[in-house]
Amino acid sequence: MDHNNLPLNDIYAPENRIYVATDCIIFGFDKGILKLLVFERRVEPFKGTLSLIGSFVKPNEAANEAARRVLKEITGLENIFMEELKTYSNIDRDPGARCISIAHYALIRIDDYDKELVAKHDAIWCEVDKLPKLVLDHDLMIEDALNRLRRKARFYPIGFELLPKKFTIPQFQNLYEAIFQKTLDTRNFRKKLMSLKLLIPLNEKDKSGSKKGAFLYKFDYKKYKRLEEKGFNFSLFKN
């Protein structure tokens, strides 16, 4: 066959074809619990079992564009933290076909997403530490995403992507305890966090937990970006 006579997009048509997909590990944080968005798989194989939310990559889009499309279709959200995680290419990872998945993980504020849209897709939030077994190699993807999240949260302020824009110090500590699955010393954590001088105190209180309430703060992204350019280390933990 003369490849020169094929359309540009079909120049490799005689070769074996492989599907390319993206799977999205979507984290949310709700009432001190780290959660993951999953849904019932609508196609075979394993139709009806719990799965990460994903899609095949279309011919006219990059893998990260496909991931953002999926996120918007399911949650209605755009311009949120999303990062490529890893490529999963084991030969037998999907019994439906030879398929490579480029996984992405995302962090969303759990009060911001379109709840009607999520319900329409039969998606549900599951606690990360109580997840049932998922299909294919999705359990491995989640494990890898959690490890990446922990590494990133140790040195970069990505945890703020999971919190409301206005938050309390206890809420922030609860988030880090959920991510790292360990109890932190409240006094030392607060002292270290405040020493970074990246929180903007607000003249407001959250009284949902007690009558006295706790003061609310906002994260100073602009100041952080300026410091980051100078090599600032956000770490809240000892190395």
Protein backbone atom coordinates (compact mmCIF):
# COMPACT_ATOMS: atom_id res chain seq x y z
CA MET A 1 0.00 0.00 0.00
CA ASP A 2 1.29 3.45 -0.92
CA HIS A 3 1.23 5.50 2.31
CA ASN A 4 1.66 8.69 0.30
CA ASN A 5 -1.87 8.33 -1.07
CA LEU A 6 -3.45 8.10 2.38
CA PRO A 7 -4.90 11.16 4.15
CA LEU A 8 -2.46 12.51 6.73
CA ASN A 9 -4.52 11.19 9.64
CA ASP A 10 -4.61 7.69 8.13
CA ILE A 11 -0.97 7.35 7.15
CA TYR A 12 -0.47 4.61 9.76
CA ALA A 13 -3.76 2.86 8.98
CA PRO A 14 -2.11 -0.48 8.03
CA GLU A 15 -0.62 -0.77 11.53
CA ASN A 16 -2.39 -2.25 14.54
CA ARG A 17 -4.58 0.27 16.29
CA ILE A 18 -4.64 0.90 20.04
CA TYR A 19 -7.28 2.84 21.94
CA VAL A 20 -6.20 5.78 24.10
CA ALA A 21 -8.33 6.79 27.05
CA THR A 22 -8.15 9.09 30.04
CA ASP A 23 -9.37 8.26 33.54
CA CYS A 24 -9.99 11.00 36.09
CA ILE A 25 -9.30 10.64 39.80
CA ILE A 26 -11.44 13.46 41.22
CA PHE A 27 -10.84 14.28 44.88
CA GLY A 28 -13.10 16.34 47.13
CA PHE A 29 -13.00 17.19 50.84
CA ASP A 30 -16.19 17.14 52.89
CA LYS A 31 -16.61 17.56 56.67
CA GLY A 32 -13.11 16.34 57.46
CA ILE A 33 -13.23 13.41 55.02
CA LEU A 34 -11.27 13.01 51.78
CA LYS A 35 -13.59 11.65 49.08
CA LEU A 36 -13.42 10.39 45.51
CA LEU A 37 -15.99 10.74 42.74
CA VAL A 38 -16.90 7.40 41.07
CA PHE A 39 -19.79 6.12 38.99
CA GLU A 40 -21.41 2.95 37.75
CA ARG A 41 -19.80 1.82 34.53
CA ARG A 42 -22.27 2.01 31.64
CA VAL A 43 -20.49 -0.19 29.11
CA GLU A 44 -19.09 -3.70 28.99
CA PRO A 45 -16.90 -5.18 30.23
CA PHE A 46 -17.93 -4.94 33.90
CA LYS A 47 -21.04 -2.87 33.19
CA GLY A 48 -22.73 -1.75 36.41
CA THR A 49 -19.62 -1.93 38.62
CA LEU A 50 -17.98 1.12 40.20
CA SER A 51 -15.38 2.87 38.11
CA LEU A 52 -13.39 6.03 37.80
CA ILE A 53 -14.85 8.54 35.39
CA GLY A 54 -13.16 8.51 32.02
CA SER A 55 -13.45 8.65 28.25
CA PHE A 56 -11.64 7.75 25.09
CA VAL A 57 -9.47 10.56 23.76
CA LYS A 58 -11.01 11.99 20.61
CA PRO A 59 -8.92 12.41 17.42
CA ASN A 60 -9.07 16.20 17.69
CA GLU A 61 -7.99 16.59 21.31
CA ALA A 62 -4.96 16.07 23.54
CA ALA A 63 -5.20 13.76 26.54
CA ASN A 64 -5.32 16.66 29.02
CA GLU A 65 -8.08 18.27 26.95
CA ALA A 66 -10.03 15.02 27.11
CA ALA A 67 -9.61 14.93 30.90
CA ARG A 68 -10.87 18.49 31.26
CA ARG A 69 -13.79 17.70 28.96
CA VAL A 70 -14.73 14.76 31.16
CA LEU A 71 -14.48 16.88 34.30
CA LYS A 72 -16.73 19.56 32.83
CA GLU A 73 -19.26 17.04 31.53
CA ILE A 74 -19.54 15.38 34.94
CA THR A 75 -19.18 18.30 37.37
CA GLY A 76 -19.71 21.43 35.29
CA LEU A 77 -16.36 22.78 36.53
CA GLU A 78 -13.56 24.40 34.57
CA ASN A 79 -10.22 25.99 35.49
CA ILE A 80 -9.60 23.79 38.52
CA PHE A 81 -6.44 22.01 39.62
CA MET A 82 -5.83 19.03 37.36
CA GLU A 83 -2.55 17.29 36.62
CA GLU A 84 -1.46 14.35 34.51
CA LEU A 85 -0.69 11.43 36.78
CA LYS A 86 0.73 8.51 34.83
CA THR A 87 0.29 6.35 31.74
CA TYR A 88 -1.12 2.85 32.27
CA SER A 89 -0.26 0.53 29.42
CA ASN A 90 -0.18 -3.07 30.65
CA ILE A 91 -1.21 -5.33 27.80
CA ASP A 92 -4.01 -7.02 29.73
CA ARG A 93 -5.27 -4.00 31.70
CA ASP A 94 -8.57 -3.85 29.78
CA PRO A 95 -10.25 -7.06 28.52
CA GLY A 96 -12.42 -4.99 26.17
CA ALA A 97 -9.57 -4.01 23.85
CA ARG A 98 -5.90 -3.05 23.78
CA CYS A 99 -6.22 0.30 25.52
CA ILE A 100 -3.74 2.71 27.06
CA SER A 101 -5.04 5.11 29.71
CA ILE A 102 -3.45 8.45 30.58
CA ALA A 103 -4.77 9.15 34.06
CA HIS A 104 -5.26 12.63 35.52
CA TYR A 105 -6.09 13.63 39.07
CA ALA A 106 -8.12 16.70 40.02
CA LEU A 107 -8.94 18.61 43.21
CA ILE A 108 -12.31 20.32 43.48
CA ARG A 109 -14.19 22.25 46.13
CA ILE A 110 -17.00 19.92 47.02
CA ASP A 111 -19.57 22.75 47.27
CA ASP A 112 -18.75 24.20 43.85
CA TYR A 113 -19.71 21.41 41.47
CA ASP A 114 -23.05 21.04 39.66
CA LYS A 115 -24.89 18.54 41.87
CA GLU A 116 -27.69 17.97 39.35
CA LEU A 117 -25.15 17.20 36.64
CA VAL A 118 -23.30 14.72 38.88
CA ALA A 119 -26.59 13.00 39.78
CA LYS A 120 -27.52 12.82 36.10
CA HIS A 121 -24.38 10.76 35.47
CA ASP A 122 -25.08 8.53 38.50
CA ALA A 123 -21.80 9.63 40.05
CA ILE A 124 -21.35 9.35 43.81
CA TRP A 125 -18.81 10.44 46.41
CA CYS A 126 -17.05 7.64 48.30
CA GLU A 127 -14.72 8.02 51.27
CA VAL A 128 -11.19 7.33 50.10
CA ASP A 129 -10.41 4.97 52.97
CA LYS A 130 -13.67 3.03 52.49
CA LEU A 131 -13.63 2.55 48.73
CA PRO A 132 -14.97 -0.71 47.32
CA LYS A 133 -12.88 -2.46 44.69
CA LEU A 134 -13.08 -0.69 41.34
CA VAL A 135 -12.78 -2.10 37.81
CA LEU A 136 -9.65 -2.69 35.74
CA ASP A 137 -6.54 -1.07 37.26
CA HIS A 138 -8.44 1.86 38.77
CA ASP A 139 -7.45 0.86 42.32
CA LEU A 140 -3.81 1.23 41.30
CA MET A 141 -4.55 4.63 39.75
CA ILE A 142 -6.13 5.80 43.01
CA GLU A 143 -3.16 4.56 45.04
CA ASP A 144 -0.76 6.38 42.70
CA ALA A 145 -2.89 9.54 42.83
CA LEU A 146 -2.94 9.52 46.64
CA ASN A 147 0.84 9.14 46.73
CA ARG A 148 1.22 12.02 44.27
CA LEU A 149 -1.23 14.15 46.28
CA ARG A 150 0.75 13.53 49.48
CA ARG A 151 4.06 14.40 47.82
CA LYS A 152 2.64 17.59 46.32
CA ALA A 153 0.79 18.66 49.48
CA ARG A 154 4.02 18.32 51.46
CA PHE A 155 5.80 21.02 49.45
CA TYR A 156 3.10 22.94 47.54
CA PRO A 157 -0.14 24.56 48.74
CA ILE A 158 -2.43 22.44 46.55
CA GLY A 159 -4.49 21.51 49.61
CA PHE A 160 -6.19 24.91 49.35
CA GLU A 161 -7.81 23.69 46.11
CA LEU A 162 -9.94 21.33 48.24
CA LEU A 163 -11.01 23.88 50.86
CA PRO A 164 -13.64 26.61 50.64
CA LYS A 165 -12.14 29.96 49.68
CA LYS A 166 -12.74 31.00 53.28
CA PHE A 167 -11.58 28.43 55.81
CA THR A 168 -10.52 27.99 59.42
CA ILE A 169 -7.20 26.69 60.72
CA PRO A 170 -8.93 23.56 62.14
CA GLN A 171 -10.43 22.87 58.70
CA PHE A 172 -7.01 23.11 57.11
CA GLN A 173 -5.49 20.80 59.72
CA ASN A 174 -8.34 18.30 59.22
CA LEU A 175 -7.60 18.31 55.50
CA TYR A 176 -3.92 17.51 56.01
CA GLU A 177 -4.79 14.80 58.51
CA ALA A 178 -7.15 13.28 55.92
CA ILE A 179 -4.54 13.43 53.15
CA PHE A 180 -1.71 12.00 55.23
CA GLN A 181 -3.88 9.69 57.34
CA LYS A 182 -2.32 10.73 60.64
CA THR A 183 -3.10 12.99 63.58
CA LEU A 184 -1.09 16.21 63.74
CA ASP A 185 -0.16 18.19 66.83
CA THR A 186 -2.51 21.19 66.73
CA ARG A 187 -0.14 23.67 68.35
CA ASN A 188 2.87 22.82 66.20
CA PHE A 189 0.80 22.68 63.00
CA ARG A 190 -0.77 26.08 63.63
CA LYS A 191 2.58 27.62 64.58
CA LYS A 192 4.23 26.36 61.39
CA LEU A 193 1.30 27.38 59.19
CA MET A 194 1.15 30.91 60.60
CA SER A 195 4.93 31.30 60.31
CA LEU A 196 4.62 31.01 56.53
CA LYS A 197 2.65 34.30 56.54
CA LEU A 198 0.51 33.26 53.60
CA LEU A 199 -2.90 33.49 55.22
CA ILE A 200 -5.10 36.59 55.05
CA PRO A 201 -7.11 36.92 58.30
CA LEU A 202 -10.75 37.88 57.85
CA ASN A 203 -13.01 39.68 60.27
CA GLU A 204 -15.42 36.75 60.11
CA LYS A 205 -16.00 33.59 62.09
CA ASP A 206 -17.29 30.12 61.28
CA LYS A 207 -19.71 29.22 64.08
CA SER A 208 -20.90 25.93 62.63
CA GLY A 209 -18.79 23.98 65.13
CA SER A 210 -19.32 26.05 68.29
CA LYS A 211 -20.91 29.24 69.61
CA LYS A 212 -17.48 30.82 70.03
CA GLY A 213 -16.55 29.98 66.46
CA ALA A 214 -13.20 30.03 64.67
CA PHE A 215 -11.76 32.88 62.64
CA LEU A 216 -11.78 32.53 58.87
CA TYR A 217 -8.80 33.01 56.56
CA LYS A 218 -8.03 33.20 52.85
CA PHE A 219 -4.89 31.96 51.16
CA ASP A 220 -2.70 34.69 49.64
CA TYR A 221 -2.04 33.21 46.19
CA LYS A 222 -0.40 36.34 44.82
CA LYS A 223 2.12 36.49 47.66
CA TYR A 224 2.81 32.77 47.33
CA LYS A 225 3.51 33.10 43.59
CA ARG A 226 5.99 35.91 44.24
CA LEU A 227 7.75 33.83 46.89
CA GLU A 228 7.67 30.70 44.75
CA GLU A 229 9.66 32.47 42.04
CA LYS A 230 12.38 33.02 44.65
CA GLY A 231 12.49 29.34 45.61
CA PHE A 232 10.12 29.47 48.59
CA ASN A 233 9.40 26.10 50.25
CA PHE A 234 5.82 25.67 51.50
CA SER A 235 6.60 22.55 53.55
CA LEU A 236 4.58 22.18 56.77
CA PHE A 237 6.56 19.12 57.82
CA LYS A 238 10.13 18.28 58.64
CA ASN A 239 11.91 16.44 55.85
